[in-house]
Amino acid sequence: MSRRFEIPATPENMVWGYLDSSTPPVLEVASGDVVTLHSFPAGGKETLPDTLPVPADYQLALDTMPQGAGPHFITGPVHVAGARPGDVLQVDILDVKVRQDWGFVSILPLLGTLPDEFTDYETIHPVVDHAKNVCVMPWGTEIPLDPFFGIIATAPPPAWGRCGSPVPRAFGGNMDNKELRAGTTLYLPVFNEGALFFAGDGHGVQGDGEVCITALETGVTGTFRLTVRKDMELSWPFAESATHLISIGLDEDLDDAAKQATREMVKHVCERTNLSRNQAYMLCSLAGNLRVTQMVDGNKGVHMMLRKSLL
């Protein structure tokens, strides 16, 4: 029987702005156990609203935690017993809910897709209507919530040292992929004993591209089942939902990110079917949909969606 755990949203259970394999685990679980954890919005005190209440646990984190090279609050790490370098951590995303009554959206200096064109810097604070499951923009538009964690990761290889949180890499991290919602499974390479699972950077809703630099940055609560897979070999993150395979490409060059997402999908189709590499490539050309995950995280993201019913 799997066990269930909850990690409180307290400073000793989080890091701010980095991922590091030397960070002591905040929890140890067995393979197959279920963990619920919480996340705050990315950013610092400059993102806080003047007229809306700030949750006490969020304010405590802002007041007491040392910030690293990035803006993201990240919970963990969680040590998963039995995980070894070369294994795969299967992360079943069981539930994600917005836990805050507002979020923020910003245009910031030198960031985003069009930094030279948008220099009238601004932060807005859409209100969350939990009953209607929407956020309400200051001009009245209601956008349905579709929450997810911008950061889901295993710890980086020890040789990489402390990695700033903004740039996604082979360990996952700040992928900002809106497809990683409840009901999706993410597979991550393991680089350390215990895998060292992290999650953070709550998003209430985001478009593909995340073009201005932020999603609806807000607090979220998520529940994950963490399973060690010794029957898989993986060097790069990959995901699947009930209906689709989801390959992930990350690179400073958007073309190269698209190439990687395509290459990864061909590889996984071949592993799951009797198709040749040529046949899998042609299937992806007819039925695979490349989408720009995000344009703003250093390593840009492209993911491919392929319907599992076609396999």
C-alpha atoms as a PDB file:
ATOM      1  CA  MET A   1       0.000   0.000   0.000  1.00  0.00           C
ATOM      2  CA  SER A   2       1.327   3.412  -0.927  1.00  0.00           C
ATOM      3  CA  ARG A   3       1.513   6.048   1.767  1.00  0.00           C
ATOM      4  CA  ARG A   4       0.430   9.682   1.549  1.00  0.00           C
ATOM      5  CA  PHE A   5       2.433  12.656   2.767  1.00  0.00           C
ATOM      6  CA  GLU A   6       2.002  16.424   2.824  1.00  0.00           C
ATOM      7  CA  ILE A   7       4.884  18.900   2.893  1.00  0.00           C
ATOM      8  CA  PRO A   8       3.908  22.124   4.692  1.00  0.00           C
ATOM      9  CA  ALA A   9       4.482  25.412   2.873  1.00  0.00           C
ATOM     10  CA  THR A  10       7.224  26.599   5.235  1.00  0.00           C
ATOM     11  CA  PRO A  11      10.665  28.069   4.489  1.00  0.00           C
ATOM     12  CA  GLU A  12      12.557  24.997   5.707  1.00  0.00           C
ATOM     13  CA  ASN A  13      10.805  22.910   3.043  1.00  0.00           C
ATOM     14  CA  MET A  14      11.615  25.221   0.118  1.00  0.00           C
ATOM     15  CA  VAL A  15      14.432  26.765  -1.845  1.00  0.00           C
ATOM     16  CA  TRP A  16      14.230  30.088  -3.653  1.00  0.00           C
ATOM     17  CA  GLY A  17      15.729  30.437  -7.091  1.00  0.00           C
ATOM     18  CA  TYR A  18      17.897  27.362  -7.563  1.00  0.00           C
ATOM     19  CA  LEU A  19      18.143  23.580  -7.829  1.00  0.00           C
ATOM     20  CA  ASP A  20      21.067  21.834  -6.147  1.00  0.00           C
ATOM     21  CA  SER A  21      21.752  18.142  -5.544  1.00  0.00           C
ATOM     22  CA  SER A  22      23.426  18.986  -2.209  1.00  0.00           C
ATOM     23  CA  THR A  23      20.177  20.360  -0.730  1.00  0.00           C
ATOM     24  CA  PRO A  24      19.137  18.064   2.156  1.00  0.00           C
ATOM     25  CA  PRO A  25      15.867  16.201   1.524  1.00  0.00           C
ATOM     26  CA  VAL A  26      12.802  17.505   3.326  1.00  0.00           C
ATOM     27  CA  LEU A  27      11.054  14.123   3.074  1.00  0.00           C
ATOM     28  CA  GLU A  28      11.914  10.516   2.236  1.00  0.00           C
ATOM     29  CA  VAL A  29       9.276   8.315   0.600  1.00  0.00           C
ATOM     30  CA  ALA A  30       9.061   4.860  -0.931  1.00  0.00           C
ATOM     31  CA  SER A  31       8.494   4.278  -4.630  1.00  0.00           C
ATOM     32  CA  GLY A  32       4.773   4.605  -5.314  1.00  0.00           C
ATOM     33  CA  ASP A  33       4.052   6.950  -2.416  1.00  0.00           C
ATOM     34  CA  VAL A  34       1.910  10.062  -2.895  1.00  0.00           C
ATOM     35  CA  VAL A  35       3.109  13.538  -1.927  1.00  0.00           C
ATOM     36  CA  THR A  36       1.090  16.755  -1.657  1.00  0.00           C
ATOM     37  CA  LEU A  37       3.042  20.003  -1.668  1.00  0.00           C
ATOM     38  CA  HIS A  38       2.492  23.719  -2.109  1.00  0.00           C
ATOM     39  CA  SER A  39       4.055  26.522  -4.119  1.00  0.00           C
ATOM     40  CA  PHE A  40       4.106  30.312  -4.050  1.00  0.00           C
ATOM     41  CA  PRO A  41       4.227  32.730  -6.979  1.00  0.00           C
ATOM     42  CA  ALA A  42       7.633  33.444  -8.474  1.00  0.00           C
ATOM     43  CA  GLY A  43       9.117  36.849  -7.766  1.00  0.00           C
ATOM     44  CA  GLY A  44       9.787  39.014  -4.741  1.00  0.00           C
ATOM     45  CA  LYS A  45       8.096  41.722  -2.713  1.00  0.00           C
ATOM     46  CA  GLU A  46       7.985  43.988  -5.750  1.00  0.00           C
ATOM     47  CA  THR A  47       5.251  41.780  -7.219  1.00  0.00           C
ATOM     48  CA  LEU A  48       2.898  42.096  -4.229  1.00  0.00           C
ATOM     49  CA  PRO A  49      -0.416  43.941  -4.601  1.00  0.00           C
ATOM     50  CA  ASP A  50      -1.163  47.071  -2.589  1.00  0.00           C
ATOM     51  CA  THR A  51      -4.779  46.274  -1.784  1.00  0.00           C
ATOM     52  CA  LEU A  52      -5.097  42.458  -1.742  1.00  0.00           C
ATOM     53  CA  PRO A  53      -4.225  40.241   1.243  1.00  0.00           C
ATOM     54  CA  VAL A  54      -0.912  38.364   1.109  1.00  0.00           C
ATOM     55  CA  PRO A  55      -1.066  34.832   2.593  1.00  0.00           C
ATOM     56  CA  ALA A  56       0.900  34.629   5.840  1.00  0.00           C
ATOM     57  CA  ASP A  57       3.029  31.665   4.728  1.00  0.00           C
ATOM     58  CA  TYR A  58       3.974  33.470   1.511  1.00  0.00           C
ATOM     59  CA  GLN A  59       4.906  36.637   3.411  1.00  0.00           C
ATOM     60  CA  LEU A  60       7.034  34.591   5.827  1.00  0.00           C
ATOM     61  CA  ALA A  61       8.911  33.031   2.914  1.00  0.00           C
ATOM     62  CA  LEU A  62       9.534  36.438   1.351  1.00  0.00           C
ATOM     63  CA  ASP A  63      10.768  37.841   4.680  1.00  0.00           C
ATOM     64  CA  THR A  64      13.065  34.991   5.728  1.00  0.00           C
ATOM     65  CA  MET A  65      14.328  32.943   2.786  1.00  0.00           C
ATOM     66  CA  PRO A  66      17.628  33.699   1.013  1.00  0.00           C
ATOM     67  CA  GLN A  67      17.159  34.100  -2.742  1.00  0.00           C
ATOM     68  CA  GLY A  68      19.361  32.333  -5.268  1.00  0.00           C
ATOM     69  CA  ALA A  69      19.882  33.064  -8.953  1.00  0.00           C
ATOM     70  CA  GLY A  70      16.204  32.853  -9.914  1.00  0.00           C
ATOM     71  CA  PRO A  71      12.793  34.111  -8.763  1.00  0.00           C
ATOM     72  CA  HIS A  72      11.037  30.770  -8.192  1.00  0.00           C
ATOM     73  CA  PHE A  73       9.927  29.237  -4.896  1.00  0.00           C
ATOM     74  CA  ILE A  74      10.465  25.459  -5.155  1.00  0.00           C
ATOM     75  CA  THR A  75       9.442  22.795  -2.645  1.00  0.00           C
ATOM     76  CA  GLY A  76      11.775  19.874  -1.950  1.00  0.00           C
ATOM     77  CA  PRO A  77      13.748  17.880  -2.485  1.00  0.00           C
ATOM     78  CA  VAL A  78      11.924  14.624  -1.838  1.00  0.00           C
ATOM     79  CA  HIS A  79      14.174  11.558  -1.598  1.00  0.00           C
ATOM     80  CA  VAL A  80      12.560   8.531  -3.265  1.00  0.00           C
ATOM     81  CA  ALA A  81      14.043   5.369  -1.791  1.00  0.00           C
ATOM     82  CA  GLY A  82      15.667   3.031  -4.270  1.00  0.00           C
ATOM     83  CA  ALA A  83      16.226   5.585  -7.027  1.00  0.00           C
ATOM     84  CA  ARG A  84      19.723   5.473  -8.509  1.00  0.00           C
ATOM     85  CA  PRO A  85      21.484   7.469 -11.222  1.00  0.00           C
ATOM     86  CA  GLY A  86      20.365   6.072 -14.572  1.00  0.00           C
ATOM     87  CA  ASP A  87      16.854   5.247 -13.341  1.00  0.00           C
ATOM     88  CA  VAL A  88      13.732   7.168 -14.329  1.00  0.00           C
ATOM     89  CA  LEU A  89      11.354   8.921 -11.935  1.00  0.00           C
ATOM     90  CA  GLN A  90       7.727   8.585 -12.998  1.00  0.00           C
ATOM     91  CA  VAL A  91       5.751  11.588 -11.745  1.00  0.00           C
ATOM     92  CA  ASP A  92       1.992  11.066 -11.926  1.00  0.00           C
ATOM     93  CA  ILE A  93       0.398  14.501 -11.536  1.00  0.00           C
ATOM     94  CA  LEU A  94      -2.765  13.580  -9.660  1.00  0.00           C
ATOM     95  CA  ASP A  95      -4.141  17.008  -8.790  1.00  0.00           C
ATOM     96  CA  VAL A  96      -3.290  20.715  -9.078  1.00  0.00           C
ATOM     97  CA  LYS A  97      -5.396  23.486  -7.538  1.00  0.00           C
ATOM     98  CA  VAL A  98      -4.946  27.239  -7.176  1.00  0.00           C
ATOM     99  CA  ARG A  99      -4.555  28.040  -3.454  1.00  0.00           C
ATOM    100  CA  GLN A 100      -4.396  31.842  -3.640  1.00  0.00           C
ATOM    101  CA  ASP A 101      -7.037  34.510  -4.283  1.00  0.00           C
ATOM    102  CA  TRP A 102      -4.947  36.475  -6.799  1.00  0.00           C
ATOM    103  CA  GLY A 103      -1.963  36.192  -9.069  1.00  0.00           C
ATOM    104  CA  PHE A 104       0.248  38.581 -10.947  1.00  0.00           C
ATOM    105  CA  VAL A 105       1.277  39.170 -14.561  1.00  0.00           C
ATOM    106  CA  SER A 106       4.245  41.388 -15.394  1.00  0.00           C
ATOM    107  CA  ILE A 107       6.091  43.095 -18.208  1.00  0.00           C
ATOM    108  CA  LEU A 108       9.705  43.368 -17.001  1.00  0.00           C
ATOM    109  CA  PRO A 109      12.897  45.001 -18.300  1.00  0.00           C
ATOM    110  CA  LEU A 110      14.880  42.986 -20.891  1.00  0.00           C
ATOM    111  CA  LEU A 111      12.598  39.952 -20.538  1.00  0.00           C
ATOM    112  CA  GLY A 112       9.849  38.407 -22.633  1.00  0.00           C
ATOM    113  CA  THR A 113       9.557  37.855 -26.367  1.00  0.00           C
ATOM    114  CA  LEU A 114       9.508  41.549 -27.370  1.00  0.00           C
ATOM    115  CA  PRO A 115      11.608  43.325 -24.730  1.00  0.00           C
ATOM    116  CA  ASP A 116      12.575  46.234 -26.999  1.00  0.00           C
ATOM    117  CA  GLU A 117       8.960  46.957 -27.915  1.00  0.00           C
ATOM    118  CA  PHE A 118       7.411  46.803 -24.431  1.00  0.00           C
ATOM    119  CA  THR A 119       9.242  49.217 -22.157  1.00  0.00           C
ATOM    120  CA  ASP A 120       6.263  50.594 -20.233  1.00  0.00           C
ATOM    121  CA  TYR A 121       6.825  48.130 -17.408  1.00  0.00           C
ATOM    122  CA  GLU A 122       3.748  47.033 -15.505  1.00  0.00           C
ATOM    123  CA  THR A 123       2.438  44.442 -13.058  1.00  0.00           C
ATOM    124  CA  ILE A 124      -1.254  43.606 -12.757  1.00  0.00           C
ATOM    125  CA  HIS A 125      -3.020  41.423 -10.190  1.00  0.00           C
ATOM    126  CA  PRO A 126      -5.920  39.414 -11.642  1.00  0.00           C
ATOM    127  CA  VAL A 127      -8.316  38.181  -8.974  1.00  0.00           C
ATOM    128  CA  VAL A 128      -9.111  34.462  -8.756  1.00  0.00           C
ATOM    129  CA  ASP A 129     -12.798  33.535  -8.613  1.00  0.00           C
ATOM    130  CA  HIS A 130     -12.636  30.028  -7.175  1.00  0.00           C
ATOM    131  CA  ALA A 131     -16.373  29.419  -7.522  1.00  0.00           C
ATOM    132  CA  LYS A 132     -16.289  30.139 -11.267  1.00  0.00           C
ATOM    133  CA  ASN A 133     -12.752  28.693 -11.711  1.00  0.00           C
ATOM    134  CA  VAL A 134     -11.546  31.794 -13.559  1.00  0.00           C
ATOM    135  CA  CYS A 135      -9.160  34.678 -13.109  1.00  0.00           C
ATOM    136  CA  VAL A 136     -10.584  38.137 -13.761  1.00  0.00           C
ATOM    137  CA  MET A 137      -8.367  40.591 -15.630  1.00  0.00           C
ATOM    138  CA  PRO A 138      -8.471  44.263 -14.560  1.00  0.00           C
ATOM    139  CA  TRP A 139     -10.451  45.133 -17.714  1.00  0.00           C
ATOM    140  CA  GLY A 140     -13.076  42.480 -16.970  1.00  0.00           C
ATOM    141  CA  THR A 141     -12.087  39.508 -19.148  1.00  0.00           C
ATOM    142  CA  GLU A 142     -12.534  36.169 -17.391  1.00  0.00           C
ATOM    143  CA  ILE A 143      -9.987  33.464 -18.282  1.00  0.00           C
ATOM    144  CA  PRO A 144     -10.638  29.846 -17.208  1.00  0.00           C
ATOM    145  CA  LEU A 145      -8.032  28.515 -14.796  1.00  0.00           C
ATOM    146  CA  ASP A 146      -5.832  25.635 -15.964  1.00  0.00           C
ATOM    147  CA  PRO A 147      -3.251  25.317 -13.180  1.00  0.00           C
ATOM    148  CA  PHE A 148       0.112  23.560 -13.322  1.00  0.00           C
ATOM    149  CA  PHE A 149       3.588  23.699 -11.832  1.00  0.00           C
ATOM    150  CA  GLY A 150       6.051  25.600 -14.014  1.00  0.00           C
ATOM    151  CA  ILE A 151       8.917  23.712 -12.361  1.00  0.00           C
ATOM    152  CA  ILE A 152       8.966  19.935 -11.949  1.00  0.00           C
ATOM    153  CA  ALA A 153      12.415  18.417 -11.637  1.00  0.00           C
ATOM    154  CA  THR A 154      14.851  15.902 -10.326  1.00  0.00           C
ATOM    155  CA  ALA A 155      18.059  17.368  -8.922  1.00  0.00           C
ATOM    156  CA  PRO A 156      20.793  18.250 -11.427  1.00  0.00           C
ATOM    157  CA  PRO A 157      23.896  16.074 -11.747  1.00  0.00           C
ATOM    158  CA  PRO A 158      26.296  16.859  -8.866  1.00  0.00           C
ATOM    159  CA  ALA A 159      28.975  18.011 -11.323  1.00  0.00           C
ATOM    160  CA  TRP A 160      26.680  20.839 -12.471  1.00  0.00           C
ATOM    161  CA  GLY A 161      26.627  22.358  -8.994  1.00  0.00           C
ATOM    162  CA  ARG A 162      23.888  24.825  -8.116  1.00  0.00           C
ATOM    163  CA  CYS A 163      21.725  25.620 -11.145  1.00  0.00           C
ATOM    164  CA  GLY A 164      19.655  28.792 -11.240  1.00  0.00           C
ATOM    165  CA  SER A 165      15.952  28.050 -11.495  1.00  0.00           C
ATOM    166  CA  PRO A 166      15.097  29.991 -14.701  1.00  0.00           C
ATOM    167  CA  VAL A 167      16.683  27.670 -17.295  1.00  0.00           C
ATOM    168  CA  PRO A 168      15.158  24.201 -17.938  1.00  0.00           C
ATOM    169  CA  ARG A 169      17.554  21.379 -18.701  1.00  0.00           C
ATOM    170  CA  ALA A 170      17.821  17.579 -18.837  1.00  0.00           C
ATOM    171  CA  PHE A 171      16.533  17.316 -15.242  1.00  0.00           C
ATOM    172  CA  GLY A 172      13.329  19.155 -16.213  1.00  0.00           C
ATOM    173  CA  GLY A 173      13.006  22.277 -14.107  1.00  0.00           C
ATOM    174  CA  ASN A 174      11.417  25.471 -15.416  1.00  0.00           C
ATOM    175  CA  MET A 175       9.796  23.894 -18.475  1.00  0.00           C
ATOM    176  CA  ASP A 176       6.655  26.042 -18.118  1.00  0.00           C
ATOM    177  CA  ASN A 177       4.707  23.428 -20.067  1.00  0.00           C
ATOM    178  CA  LYS A 178       0.967  23.896 -19.612  1.00  0.00           C
ATOM    179  CA  GLU A 179       0.343  20.289 -20.698  1.00  0.00           C
ATOM    180  CA  LEU A 180       1.805  19.128 -17.356  1.00  0.00           C
ATOM    181  CA  ARG A 181      -1.572  19.524 -15.695  1.00  0.00           C
ATOM    182  CA  ALA A 182      -3.463  17.066 -13.477  1.00  0.00           C
ATOM    183  CA  GLY A 183      -3.877  13.720 -15.216  1.00  0.00           C
ATOM    184  CA  THR A 184      -0.520  13.853 -17.001  1.00  0.00           C
ATOM    185  CA  THR A 185       2.527  11.689 -16.263  1.00  0.00           C
ATOM    186  CA  LEU A 186       6.032  13.133 -16.538  1.00  0.00           C
ATOM    187  CA  TYR A 187       9.136  10.956 -16.818  1.00  0.00           C
ATOM    188  CA  LEU A 188      12.414  12.468 -15.593  1.00  0.00           C
ATOM    189  CA  PRO A 189      15.988  11.136 -15.717  1.00  0.00           C
ATOM    190  CA  VAL A 190      17.551  10.446 -12.318  1.00  0.00           C
ATOM    191  CA  PHE A 191      21.035  11.850 -11.681  1.00  0.00           C
ATOM    192  CA  ASN A 192      21.340  11.320  -7.908  1.00  0.00           C
ATOM    193  CA  GLU A 193      20.626   8.769  -5.216  1.00  0.00           C
ATOM    194  CA  GLY A 194      16.973   9.171  -4.250  1.00  0.00           C
ATOM    195  CA  ALA A 195      16.135  11.156  -7.415  1.00  0.00           C
ATOM    196  CA  LEU A 196      15.604  14.324  -5.299  1.00  0.00           C
ATOM    197  CA  PHE A 197      12.245  15.543  -6.606  1.00  0.00           C
ATOM    198  CA  PHE A 198      11.363  19.251  -6.653  1.00  0.00           C
ATOM    199  CA  ALA A 199       8.240  21.163  -7.735  1.00  0.00           C
ATOM    200  CA  GLY A 200       7.332  24.838  -7.668  1.00  0.00           C
ATOM    201  CA  ASP A 201       6.515  27.976  -9.643  1.00  0.00           C
ATOM    202  CA  GLY A 202       2.737  27.886  -9.484  1.00  0.00           C
ATOM    203  CA  HIS A 203       0.831  28.931 -12.599  1.00  0.00           C
ATOM    204  CA  GLY A 204      -2.914  29.519 -12.672  1.00  0.00           C
ATOM    205  CA  VAL A 205      -3.145  29.646 -16.466  1.00  0.00           C
ATOM    206  CA  GLN A 206      -0.698  30.208 -19.325  1.00  0.00           C
ATOM    207  CA  GLY A 207      -0.743  30.349 -23.089  1.00  0.00           C
ATOM    208  CA  ASP A 208       1.726  28.419 -25.227  1.00  0.00           C
ATOM    209  CA  GLY A 209       4.716  30.727 -25.523  1.00  0.00           C
ATOM    210  CA  GLU A 210       4.323  32.619 -22.218  1.00  0.00           C
ATOM    211  CA  VAL A 211       5.249  35.580 -24.373  1.00  0.00           C
ATOM    212  CA  CYS A 212       5.437  38.516 -21.923  1.00  0.00           C
ATOM    213  CA  ILE A 213       7.598  36.508 -19.386  1.00  0.00           C
ATOM    214  CA  THR A 214       4.909  35.440 -16.887  1.00  0.00           C
ATOM    215  CA  ALA A 215       1.927  33.168 -16.665  1.00  0.00           C
ATOM    216  CA  LEU A 216      -0.689  33.946 -14.027  1.00  0.00           C
ATOM    217  CA  GLU A 217       1.896  33.595 -11.252  1.00  0.00           C
ATOM    218  CA  THR A 218       0.069  32.342  -8.176  1.00  0.00           C
ATOM    219  CA  GLY A 219       0.075  29.829  -5.350  1.00  0.00           C
ATOM    220  CA  VAL A 220      -0.878  26.252  -6.172  1.00  0.00           C
ATOM    221  CA  THR A 221      -1.204  22.940  -4.341  1.00  0.00           C
ATOM    222  CA  GLY A 222      -0.342  19.714  -6.142  1.00  0.00           C
ATOM    223  CA  THR A 223      -0.425  16.003  -5.463  1.00  0.00           C
ATOM    224  CA  PHE A 224       2.076  13.652  -7.114  1.00  0.00           C
ATOM    225  CA  ARG A 225       2.696   9.912  -7.122  1.00  0.00           C
ATOM    226  CA  LEU A 226       6.456   9.248  -7.320  1.00  0.00           C
ATOM    227  CA  THR A 227       7.543   5.893  -8.759  1.00  0.00           C
ATOM    228  CA  VAL A 228      11.033   4.656  -9.533  1.00  0.00           C
ATOM    229  CA  ARG A 229      11.244   3.022 -12.958  1.00  0.00           C
ATOM    230  CA  LYS A 230      14.212   0.711 -13.463  1.00  0.00           C
ATOM    231  CA  ASP A 231      12.725  -0.710 -16.656  1.00  0.00           C
ATOM    232  CA  MET A 232      13.116   2.576 -18.570  1.00  0.00           C
ATOM    233  CA  GLU A 233      16.125   4.364 -20.025  1.00  0.00           C
ATOM    234  CA  LEU A 234      15.753   8.099 -20.439  1.00  0.00           C
ATOM    235  CA  SER A 235      18.189  10.940 -20.954  1.00  0.00           C
ATOM    236  CA  TRP A 236      15.576  13.672 -21.412  1.00  0.00           C
ATOM    237  CA  PRO A 237      12.122  14.540 -19.970  1.00  0.00           C
ATOM    238  CA  PHE A 238       9.090  12.996 -21.667  1.00  0.00           C
ATOM    239  CA  ALA A 239       5.398  13.056 -20.777  1.00  0.00           C
ATOM    240  CA  GLU A 240       2.077  11.461 -21.635  1.00  0.00           C
ATOM    241  CA  SER A 241      -1.559  12.125 -20.919  1.00  0.00           C
ATOM    242  CA  ALA A 242      -4.493   9.740 -21.267  1.00  0.00           C
ATOM    243  CA  THR A 243      -4.752  10.720 -24.929  1.00  0.00           C
ATOM    244  CA  HIS A 244      -1.336  11.981 -26.112  1.00  0.00           C
ATOM    245  CA  LEU A 245       2.383  11.378 -26.049  1.00  0.00           C
ATOM    246  CA  ILE A 246       4.230  14.620 -25.288  1.00  0.00           C
ATOM    247  CA  SER A 247       7.858  15.018 -26.309  1.00  0.00           C
ATOM    248  CA  ILE A 248       9.911  17.924 -25.007  1.00  0.00           C
ATOM    249  CA  GLY A 249      12.604  19.995 -26.704  1.00  0.00           C
ATOM    250  CA  LEU A 250      14.692  22.646 -24.932  1.00  0.00           C
ATOM    251  CA  ASP A 251      17.363  24.810 -26.554  1.00  0.00           C
ATOM    252  CA  GLU A 252      18.477  28.431 -26.852  1.00  0.00           C
ATOM    253  CA  ASP A 253      17.596  28.127 -30.554  1.00  0.00           C
ATOM    254  CA  LEU A 254      13.898  27.512 -31.216  1.00  0.00           C
ATOM    255  CA  ASP A 255      14.716  25.525 -34.371  1.00  0.00           C
ATOM    256  CA  ASP A 256      16.953  23.191 -32.374  1.00  0.00           C
ATOM    257  CA  ALA A 257      14.277  22.814 -29.675  1.00  0.00           C
ATOM    258  CA  ALA A 258      11.818  21.770 -32.404  1.00  0.00           C
ATOM    259  CA  LYS A 259      14.356  19.307 -33.786  1.00  0.00           C
ATOM    260  CA  GLN A 260      14.836  17.806 -30.342  1.00  0.00           C
ATOM    261  CA  ALA A 261      11.093  17.468 -29.706  1.00  0.00           C
ATOM    262  CA  THR A 262      10.735  15.725 -33.067  1.00  0.00           C
ATOM    263  CA  ARG A 263      13.728  13.466 -32.470  1.00  0.00           C
ATOM    264  CA  GLU A 264      12.434  12.502 -29.015  1.00  0.00           C
ATOM    265  CA  MET A 265       8.957  11.677 -30.344  1.00  0.00           C
ATOM    266  CA  VAL A 266      10.373   9.488 -33.115  1.00  0.00           C
ATOM    267  CA  LYS A 267      12.445   7.637 -30.511  1.00  0.00           C
ATOM    268  CA  HIS A 268       9.500   7.010 -28.201  1.00  0.00           C
ATOM    269  CA  VAL A 269       7.162   5.958 -31.023  1.00  0.00           C
ATOM    270  CA  CYS A 270       9.735   3.387 -32.142  1.00  0.00           C
ATOM    271  CA  GLU A 271      10.066   2.098 -28.586  1.00  0.00           C
ATOM    272  CA  ARG A 272       6.301   1.647 -28.213  1.00  0.00           C
ATOM    273  CA  THR A 273       5.538   0.178 -31.647  1.00  0.00           C
ATOM    274  CA  ASN A 274       7.013  -1.977 -34.391  1.00  0.00           C
ATOM    275  CA  LEU A 275       7.404   1.040 -36.671  1.00  0.00           C
ATOM    276  CA  SER A 276      10.757   1.772 -38.272  1.00  0.00           C
ATOM    277  CA  ARG A 277      12.432   5.110 -37.628  1.00  0.00           C
ATOM    278  CA  ASN A 278      11.372   6.277 -41.106  1.00  0.00           C
ATOM    279  CA  GLN A 279       7.774   5.240 -40.474  1.00  0.00           C
ATOM    280  CA  ALA A 280       7.699   6.981 -37.082  1.00  0.00           C
ATOM    281  CA  TYR A 281       9.112  10.165 -38.649  1.00  0.00           C
ATOM    282  CA  MET A 282       6.402  10.127 -41.322  1.00  0.00           C
ATOM    283  CA  LEU A 283       3.695   9.505 -38.693  1.00  0.00           C
ATOM    284  CA  CYS A 284       4.938  12.545 -36.769  1.00  0.00           C
ATOM    285  CA  SER A 285       4.786  14.614 -39.962  1.00  0.00           C
ATOM    286  CA  LEU A 286       1.134  13.726 -40.506  1.00  0.00           C
ATOM    287  CA  ALA A 287      -0.196  13.614 -36.964  1.00  0.00           C
ATOM    288  CA  GLY A 288       2.322  15.201 -34.589  1.00  0.00           C
ATOM    289  CA  ASN A 289       1.645  18.790 -33.537  1.00  0.00           C
ATOM    290  CA  LEU A 290       4.625  20.945 -32.580  1.00  0.00           C
ATOM    291  CA  ARG A 291       3.808  23.714 -30.127  1.00  0.00           C
ATOM    292  CA  VAL A 292       5.963  26.482 -28.713  1.00  0.00           C
ATOM    293  CA  THR A 293       6.021  25.790 -24.979  1.00  0.00           C
ATOM    294  CA  GLN A 294       7.707  29.021 -23.929  1.00  0.00           C
ATOM    295  CA  MET A 295       9.943  31.670 -25.516  1.00  0.00           C
ATOM    296  CA  VAL A 296      11.353  33.232 -22.375  1.00  0.00           C
ATOM    297  CA  ASP A 297      13.392  30.871 -20.180  1.00  0.00           C
ATOM    298  CA  GLY A 298      16.851  30.969 -21.763  1.00  0.00           C
ATOM    299  CA  ASN A 299      16.413  27.499 -23.206  1.00  0.00           C
ATOM    300  CA  LYS A 300      13.251  27.932 -25.254  1.00  0.00           C
ATOM    301  CA  GLY A 301      10.735  25.106 -25.315  1.00  0.00           C
ATOM    302  CA  VAL A 302       8.943  23.201 -28.062  1.00  0.00           C
ATOM    303  CA  HIS A 303       6.796  20.152 -27.402  1.00  0.00           C
ATOM    304  CA  MET A 304       5.125  17.709 -29.774  1.00  0.00           C
ATOM    305  CA  MET A 305       1.686  16.212 -29.142  1.00  0.00           C
ATOM    306  CA  LEU A 306       0.842  12.883 -30.804  1.00  0.00           C
ATOM    307  CA  ARG A 307      -2.447  11.050 -30.270  1.00  0.00           C
ATOM    308  CA  LYS A 308      -1.857   7.662 -28.631  1.00  0.00           C
ATOM    309  CA  SER A 309      -4.789   6.178 -30.546  1.00  0.00           C
ATOM    310  CA  LEU A 310      -2.616   6.304 -33.695  1.00  0.00           C
ATOM    311  CA  LEU A 311      -0.018   3.923 -32.288  1.00  0.00           C
END
